[in-house]
Amino acid sequence: MLIVYHVLMVKQMQGEINMSIDYQLDILEEVVIKLHDLARIVERELGVGALSQDLRNSADRLSEVIHETL
């Protein structure tokens, strides 16, 4: 009985860890979108240039890291 309880507790903890990782990945994906939004604002206000390209490159790199994690 104690072993069954222990196994159930471990499975619950694993589920919570997986949920936490999924939540963190969701947040990071939102950051990717926000970086692209920010790049668009910079382009609209200042024009296309190094800053907007740096923002887009950062967003793209973060997206790659997220997908490598999956």
PDB file of N, CA and C in Angstrom:
ATOM      1  N   MET A   1       0.829  -1.190   0.000  1.00  0.00           N
ATOM      2  CA  MET A   1       0.000   0.000   0.000  1.00  0.00           C
ATOM      3  C   MET A   1       0.875   1.257   0.000  1.00  0.00           C
ATOM      4  N   LEU A   2       1.924   1.255   0.808  1.00  0.00           N
ATOM      5  CA  LEU A   2       2.820   2.396   0.884  1.00  0.00           C
ATOM      6  C   LEU A   2       3.537   2.617  -0.447  1.00  0.00           C
ATOM      7  N   ILE A   3       3.885   1.533  -1.127  1.00  0.00           N
ATOM      8  CA  ILE A   3       4.562   1.635  -2.424  1.00  0.00           C
ATOM      9  C   ILE A   3       3.624   2.272  -3.451  1.00  0.00           C
ATOM     10  N   VAL A   4       2.377   1.872  -3.448  1.00  0.00           N
ATOM     11  CA  VAL A   4       1.396   2.439  -4.380  1.00  0.00           C
ATOM     12  C   VAL A   4       1.255   3.937  -4.134  1.00  0.00           C
ATOM     13  N   TYR A   5       1.168   4.327  -2.883  1.00  0.00           N
ATOM     14  CA  TYR A   5       1.054   5.738  -2.527  1.00  0.00           C
ATOM     15  C   TYR A   5       2.281   6.504  -3.018  1.00  0.00           C
ATOM     16  N   HIS A   6       3.452   5.925  -2.813  1.00  0.00           N
ATOM     17  CA  HIS A   6       4.698   6.566  -3.244  1.00  0.00           C
ATOM     18  C   HIS A   6       4.717   6.744  -4.768  1.00  0.00           C
ATOM     19  N   VAL A   7       4.313   5.721  -5.504  1.00  0.00           N
ATOM     20  CA  VAL A   7       4.281   5.787  -6.970  1.00  0.00           C
ATOM     21  C   VAL A   7       3.316   6.875  -7.422  1.00  0.00           C
ATOM     22  N   LEU A   8       2.157   6.955  -6.793  1.00  0.00           N
ATOM     23  CA  LEU A   8       1.180   7.987  -7.150  1.00  0.00           C
ATOM     24  C   LEU A   8       1.718   9.380  -6.878  1.00  0.00           C
ATOM     25  N   MET A   9       2.418   9.545  -5.763  1.00  0.00           N
ATOM     26  CA  MET A   9       3.001  10.844  -5.430  1.00  0.00           C
ATOM     27  C   MET A   9       4.071  11.243  -6.449  1.00  0.00           C
ATOM     28  N   VAL A  10       4.894  10.297  -6.855  1.00  0.00           N
ATOM     29  CA  VAL A  10       5.942  10.570  -7.835  1.00  0.00           C
ATOM     30  C   VAL A  10       5.311  10.969  -9.165  1.00  0.00           C
ATOM     31  N   LYS A  11       4.269  10.262  -9.588  1.00  0.00           N
ATOM     32  CA  LYS A  11       3.596  10.587 -10.852  1.00  0.00           C
ATOM     33  C   LYS A  11       2.964  11.977 -10.789  1.00  0.00           C
ATOM     34  N   GLN A  12       2.388  12.312  -9.659  1.00  0.00           N
ATOM     35  CA  GLN A  12       1.797  13.635  -9.504  1.00  0.00           C
ATOM     36  C   GLN A  12       2.876  14.707  -9.595  1.00  0.00           C
ATOM     37  N   MET A  13       4.005  14.485  -8.955  1.00  0.00           N
ATOM     38  CA  MET A  13       5.100  15.448  -9.000  1.00  0.00           C
ATOM     39  C   MET A  13       5.625  15.608 -10.425  1.00  0.00           C
ATOM     40  N   GLN A  14       5.728  14.494 -11.152  1.00  0.00           N
ATOM     41  CA  GLN A  14       6.186  14.565 -12.534  1.00  0.00           C
ATOM     42  C   GLN A  14       5.207  15.368 -13.378  1.00  0.00           C
ATOM     43  N   GLY A  15       3.920  15.164 -13.156  1.00  0.00           N
ATOM     44  CA  GLY A  15       2.902  15.925 -13.873  1.00  0.00           C
ATOM     45  C   GLY A  15       3.004  17.408 -13.585  1.00  0.00           C
ATOM     46  N   GLU A  16       3.245  17.763 -12.326  1.00  0.00           N
ATOM     47  CA  GLU A  16       3.383  19.167 -11.961  1.00  0.00           C
ATOM     48  C   GLU A  16       4.627  19.778 -12.583  1.00  0.00           C
ATOM     49  N   ILE A  17       5.710  19.026 -12.634  1.00  0.00           N
ATOM     50  CA  ILE A  17       6.944  19.519 -13.250  1.00  0.00           C
ATOM     51  C   ILE A  17       6.709  19.736 -14.743  1.00  0.00           C
ATOM     52  N   ASN A  18       6.064  18.773 -15.404  1.00  0.00           N
ATOM     53  CA  ASN A  18       5.783  18.912 -16.835  1.00  0.00           C
ATOM     54  C   ASN A  18       4.880  20.106 -17.097  1.00  0.00           C
ATOM     55  N   MET A  19       3.866  20.317 -16.241  1.00  0.00           N
ATOM     56  CA  MET A  19       2.980  21.452 -16.385  1.00  0.00           C
ATOM     57  C   MET A  19       3.760  22.751 -16.223  1.00  0.00           C
ATOM     58  N   SER A  20       4.674  22.778 -15.273  1.00  0.00           N
ATOM     59  CA  SER A  20       5.476  23.972 -15.030  1.00  0.00           C
ATOM     60  C   SER A  20       6.360  24.278 -16.238  1.00  0.00           C
ATOM     61  N   ILE A  21       6.966  23.255 -16.807  1.00  0.00           N
ATOM     62  CA  ILE A  21       7.811  23.440 -17.987  1.00  0.00           C
ATOM     63  C   ILE A  21       6.966  23.930 -19.156  1.00  0.00           C
ATOM     64  N   ASP A  22       5.795  23.325 -19.365  1.00  0.00           N
ATOM     65  CA  ASP A  22       4.906  23.766 -20.445  1.00  0.00           C
ATOM     66  C   ASP A  22       4.507  25.222 -20.258  1.00  0.00           C
ATOM     67  N   TYR A  23       4.205  25.604 -19.025  1.00  0.00           N
ATOM     68  CA  TYR A  23       3.814  26.983 -18.724  1.00  0.00           C
ATOM     69  C   TYR A  23       4.964  27.932 -19.032  1.00  0.00           C
ATOM     70  N   GLN A  24       6.169  27.552 -18.647  1.00  0.00           N
ATOM     71  CA  GLN A  24       7.327  28.399 -18.909  1.00  0.00           C
ATOM     72  C   GLN A  24       7.585  28.532 -20.404  1.00  0.00           C
ATOM     73  N   LEU A  25       7.401  27.448 -21.150  1.00  0.00           N
ATOM     74  CA  LEU A  25       7.580  27.509 -22.598  1.00  0.00           C
ATOM     75  C   LEU A  25       6.522  28.405 -23.232  1.00  0.00           C
ATOM     76  N   ASP A  26       5.293  28.348 -22.719  1.00  0.00           N
ATOM     77  CA  ASP A  26       4.232  29.232 -23.214  1.00  0.00           C
ATOM     78  C   ASP A  26       4.607  30.692 -23.002  1.00  0.00           C
ATOM     79  N   ILE A  27       5.146  30.993 -21.838  1.00  0.00           N
ATOM     80  CA  ILE A  27       5.565  32.367 -21.546  1.00  0.00           C
ATOM     81  C   ILE A  27       6.677  32.797 -22.503  1.00  0.00           C
ATOM     82  N   LEU A  28       7.635  31.912 -22.740  1.00  0.00           N
ATOM     83  CA  LEU A  28       8.731  32.243 -23.650  1.00  0.00           C
ATOM     84  C   LEU A  28       8.225  32.466 -25.071  1.00  0.00           C
ATOM     85  N   GLU A  29       7.232  31.685 -25.490  1.00  0.00           N
ATOM     86  CA  GLU A  29       6.654  31.891 -26.821  1.00  0.00           C
ATOM     87  C   GLU A  29       5.955  33.242 -26.905  1.00  0.00           C
ATOM     88  N   GLU A  30       5.347  33.677 -25.814  1.00  0.00           N
ATOM     89  CA  GLU A  30       4.744  35.008 -25.778  1.00  0.00           C
ATOM     90  C   GLU A  30       5.821  36.088 -25.885  1.00  0.00           C
ATOM     91  N   VAL A  31       6.978  35.839 -25.275  1.00  0.00           N
ATOM     92  CA  VAL A  31       8.085  36.789 -25.362  1.00  0.00           C
ATOM     93  C   VAL A  31       8.549  36.916 -26.808  1.00  0.00           C
ATOM     94  N   VAL A  32       8.594  35.815 -27.539  1.00  0.00           N
ATOM     95  CA  VAL A  32       8.977  35.849 -28.949  1.00  0.00           C
ATOM     96  C   VAL A  32       8.028  36.778 -29.719  1.00  0.00           C
ATOM     97  N   ILE A  33       6.746  36.614 -29.488  1.00  0.00           N
ATOM     98  CA  ILE A  33       5.747  37.450 -30.161  1.00  0.00           C
ATOM     99  C   ILE A  33       5.937  38.918 -29.778  1.00  0.00           C
ATOM    100  N   LYS A  34       6.161  39.180 -28.493  1.00  0.00           N
ATOM    101  CA  LYS A  34       6.340  40.557 -28.028  1.00  0.00           C
ATOM    102  C   LYS A  34       7.595  41.191 -28.640  1.00  0.00           C
ATOM    103  N   LEU A  35       8.655  40.404 -28.794  1.00  0.00           N
ATOM    104  CA  LEU A  35       9.870  40.939 -29.420  1.00  0.00           C
ATOM    105  C   LEU A  35       9.610  41.335 -30.876  1.00  0.00           C
ATOM    106  N   HIS A  36       8.843  40.512 -31.588  1.00  0.00           N
ATOM    107  CA  HIS A  36       8.488  40.865 -32.975  1.00  0.00           C
ATOM    108  C   HIS A  36       7.576  42.093 -32.997  1.00  0.00           C
ATOM    109  N   ASP A  37       6.649  42.177 -32.051  1.00  0.00           N
ATOM    110  CA  ASP A  37       5.793  43.372 -31.947  1.00  0.00           C
ATOM    111  C   ASP A  37       6.640  44.616 -31.717  1.00  0.00           C
ATOM    112  N   LEU A  38       7.599  44.500 -30.810  1.00  0.00           N
ATOM    113  CA  LEU A  38       8.483  45.618 -30.507  1.00  0.00           C
ATOM    114  C   LEU A  38       9.302  46.009 -31.733  1.00  0.00           C
ATOM    115  N   ALA A  39       9.768  45.033 -32.481  1.00  0.00           N
ATOM    116  CA  ALA A  39      10.520  45.320 -33.712  1.00  0.00           C
ATOM    117  C   ALA A  39       9.654  46.099 -34.695  1.00  0.00           C
ATOM    118  N   ARG A  40       8.379  45.728 -34.795  1.00  0.00           N
ATOM    119  CA  ARG A  40       7.468  46.450 -35.690  1.00  0.00           C
ATOM    120  C   ARG A  40       7.293  47.909 -35.235  1.00  0.00           C
ATOM    121  N   ILE A  41       7.176  48.111 -33.928  1.00  0.00           N
ATOM    122  CA  ILE A  41       7.029  49.470 -33.402  1.00  0.00           C
ATOM    123  C   ILE A  41       8.286  50.290 -33.700  1.00  0.00           C
ATOM    124  N   VAL A  42       9.443  49.701 -33.470  1.00  0.00           N
ATOM    125  CA  VAL A  42      10.702  50.392 -33.747  1.00  0.00           C
ATOM    126  C   VAL A  42      10.785  50.743 -35.230  1.00  0.00           C
ATOM    127  N   GLU A  43      10.406  49.804 -36.091  1.00  0.00           N
ATOM    128  CA  GLU A  43      10.447  50.065 -37.532  1.00  0.00           C
ATOM    129  C   GLU A  43       9.490  51.187 -37.929  1.00  0.00           C
ATOM    130  N   ARG A  44       8.322  51.197 -37.319  1.00  0.00           N
ATOM    131  CA  ARG A  44       7.338  52.232 -37.633  1.00  0.00           C
ATOM    132  C   ARG A  44       7.826  53.605 -37.161  1.00  0.00           C
ATOM    133  N   GLU A  45       8.404  53.655 -35.972  1.00  0.00           N
ATOM    134  CA  GLU A  45       8.799  54.935 -35.384  1.00  0.00           C
ATOM    135  C   GLU A  45      10.173  55.415 -35.843  1.00  0.00           C
ATOM    136  N   LEU A  46      11.109  54.488 -36.023  1.00  0.00           N
ATOM    137  CA  LEU A  46      12.488  54.865 -36.327  1.00  0.00           C
ATOM    138  C   LEU A  46      12.970  54.387 -37.691  1.00  0.00           C
ATOM    139  N   GLY A  47      12.205  53.486 -38.287  1.00  0.00           N
ATOM    140  CA  GLY A  47      12.622  52.908 -39.552  1.00  0.00           C
ATOM    141  C   GLY A  47      13.331  51.581 -39.347  1.00  0.00           C
ATOM    142  N   VAL A  48      13.436  50.848 -40.429  1.00  0.00           N
ATOM    143  CA  VAL A  48      14.123  49.557 -40.374  1.00  0.00           C
ATOM    144  C   VAL A  48      15.610  49.819 -40.211  1.00  0.00           C
ATOM    145  N   GLY A  49      16.190  49.138 -39.251  1.00  0.00           N
ATOM    146  CA  GLY A  49      17.613  49.349 -39.013  1.00  0.00           C
ATOM    147  C   GLY A  49      18.178  48.267 -38.117  1.00  0.00           C
ATOM    148  N   ALA A  50      19.346  48.555 -37.583  1.00  0.00           N
ATOM    149  CA  ALA A  50      20.056  47.570 -36.767  1.00  0.00           C
ATOM    150  C   ALA A  50      19.258  47.173 -35.527  1.00  0.00           C
ATOM    151  N   LEU A  51      18.603  48.150 -34.891  1.00  0.00           N
ATOM    152  CA  LEU A  51      17.863  47.846 -33.667  1.00  0.00           C
ATOM    153  C   LEU A  51      16.701  46.908 -33.937  1.00  0.00           C
ATOM    154  N   SER A  52      15.904  47.213 -34.952  1.00  0.00           N
ATOM    155  CA  SER A  52      14.765  46.330 -35.246  1.00  0.00           C
ATOM    156  C   SER A  52      15.243  44.948 -35.691  1.00  0.00           C
ATOM    157  N   GLN A  53      16.346  44.907 -36.428  1.00  0.00           N
ATOM    158  CA  GLN A  53      16.883  43.612 -36.861  1.00  0.00           C
ATOM    159  C   GLN A  53      17.424  42.822 -35.673  1.00  0.00           C
ATOM    160  N   ASP A  54      18.058  43.501 -34.730  1.00  0.00           N
ATOM    161  CA  ASP A  54      18.530  42.829 -33.521  1.00  0.00           C
ATOM    162  C   ASP A  54      17.364  42.229 -32.737  1.00  0.00           C
ATOM    163  N   LEU A  55      16.273  42.975 -32.634  1.00  0.00           N
ATOM    164  CA  LEU A  55      15.086  42.463 -31.934  1.00  0.00           C
ATOM    165  C   LEU A  55      14.541  41.226 -32.635  1.00  0.00           C
ATOM    166  N   ARG A  56      14.451  41.285 -33.957  1.00  0.00           N
ATOM    167  CA  ARG A  56      13.942  40.130 -34.714  1.00  0.00           C
ATOM    168  C   ARG A  56      14.884  38.932 -34.598  1.00  0.00           C
ATOM    169  N   ASN A  57      16.189  39.183 -34.653  1.00  0.00           N
ATOM    170  CA  ASN A  57      17.155  38.093 -34.503  1.00  0.00           C
ATOM    171  C   ASN A  57      17.050  37.451 -33.122  1.00  0.00           C
ATOM    172  N   SER A  58      16.860  38.275 -32.101  1.00  0.00           N
ATOM    173  CA  SER A  58      16.698  37.745 -30.746  1.00  0.00           C
ATOM    174  C   SER A  58      15.432  36.899 -30.642  1.00  0.00           C
ATOM    175  N   ALA A  59      14.359  37.382 -31.230  1.00  0.00           N
ATOM    176  CA  ALA A  59      13.105  36.627 -31.221  1.00  0.00           C
ATOM    177  C   ALA A  59      13.272  35.293 -31.940  1.00  0.00           C
ATOM    178  N   ASP A  60      13.921  35.329 -33.084  1.00  0.00           N
ATOM    179  CA  ASP A  60      14.128  34.100 -33.855  1.00  0.00           C
ATOM    180  C   ASP A  60      15.006  33.105 -33.099  1.00  0.00           C
ATOM    181  N   ARG A  61      16.052  33.601 -32.470  1.00  0.00           N
ATOM    182  CA  ARG A  61      16.950  32.716 -31.714  1.00  0.00           C
ATOM    183  C   ARG A  61      16.223  32.102 -30.527  1.00  0.00           C
ATOM    184  N   LEU A  62      15.451  32.910 -29.810  1.00  0.00           N
ATOM    185  CA  LEU A  62      14.676  32.388 -28.686  1.00  0.00           C
ATOM    186  C   LEU A  62      13.695  31.328 -29.159  1.00  0.00           C
ATOM    187  N   SER A  63      13.061  31.561 -30.280  1.00  0.00           N
ATOM    188  CA  SER A  63      12.136  30.576 -30.837  1.00  0.00           C
ATOM    189  C   SER A  63      12.855  29.261 -31.148  1.00  0.00           C
ATOM    190  N   GLU A  64      14.051  29.363 -31.696  1.00  0.00           N
ATOM    191  CA  GLU A  64      14.837  28.153 -31.985  1.00  0.00           C
ATOM    192  C   GLU A  64      15.151  27.387 -30.702  1.00  0.00           C
ATOM    193  N   VAL A  65      15.538  28.109 -29.661  1.00  0.00           N
ATOM    194  CA  VAL A  65      15.870  27.471 -28.387  1.00  0.00           C
ATOM    195  C   VAL A  65      14.635  26.783 -27.807  1.00  0.00           C
ATOM    196  N   ILE A  66      13.496  27.438 -27.891  1.00  0.00           N
ATOM    197  CA  ILE A  66      12.251  26.847 -27.389  1.00  0.00           C
ATOM    198  C   ILE A  66      11.966  25.531 -28.114  1.00  0.00           C
ATOM    199  N   HIS A  67      12.086  25.560 -29.421  1.00  0.00           N
ATOM    200  CA  HIS A  67      11.752  24.365 -30.200  1.00  0.00           C
ATOM    201  C   HIS A  67      12.797  23.257 -30.058  1.00  0.00           C
ATOM    202  N   GLU A  68      14.025  23.618 -29.745  1.00  0.00           N
ATOM    203  CA  GLU A  68      15.049  22.610 -29.462  1.00  0.00           C
ATOM    204  C   GLU A  68      14.734  21.917 -28.137  1.00  0.00           C
ATOM    205  N   THR A  69      14.118  22.653 -27.214  1.00  0.00           N
ATOM    206  CA  THR A  69      13.767  22.124 -25.898  1.00  0.00           C
ATOM    207  C   THR A  69      12.642  21.098 -26.015  1.00  0.00           C
ATOM    208  N   LEU A  70      11.749  21.333 -26.962  1.00  0.00           N
ATOM    209  CA  LEU A  70      10.617  20.413 -27.143  1.00  0.00           C
ATOM    210  C   LEU A  70      11.137  19.139 -27.717  1.00  0.00           C
TER     211      LEU A  70
END
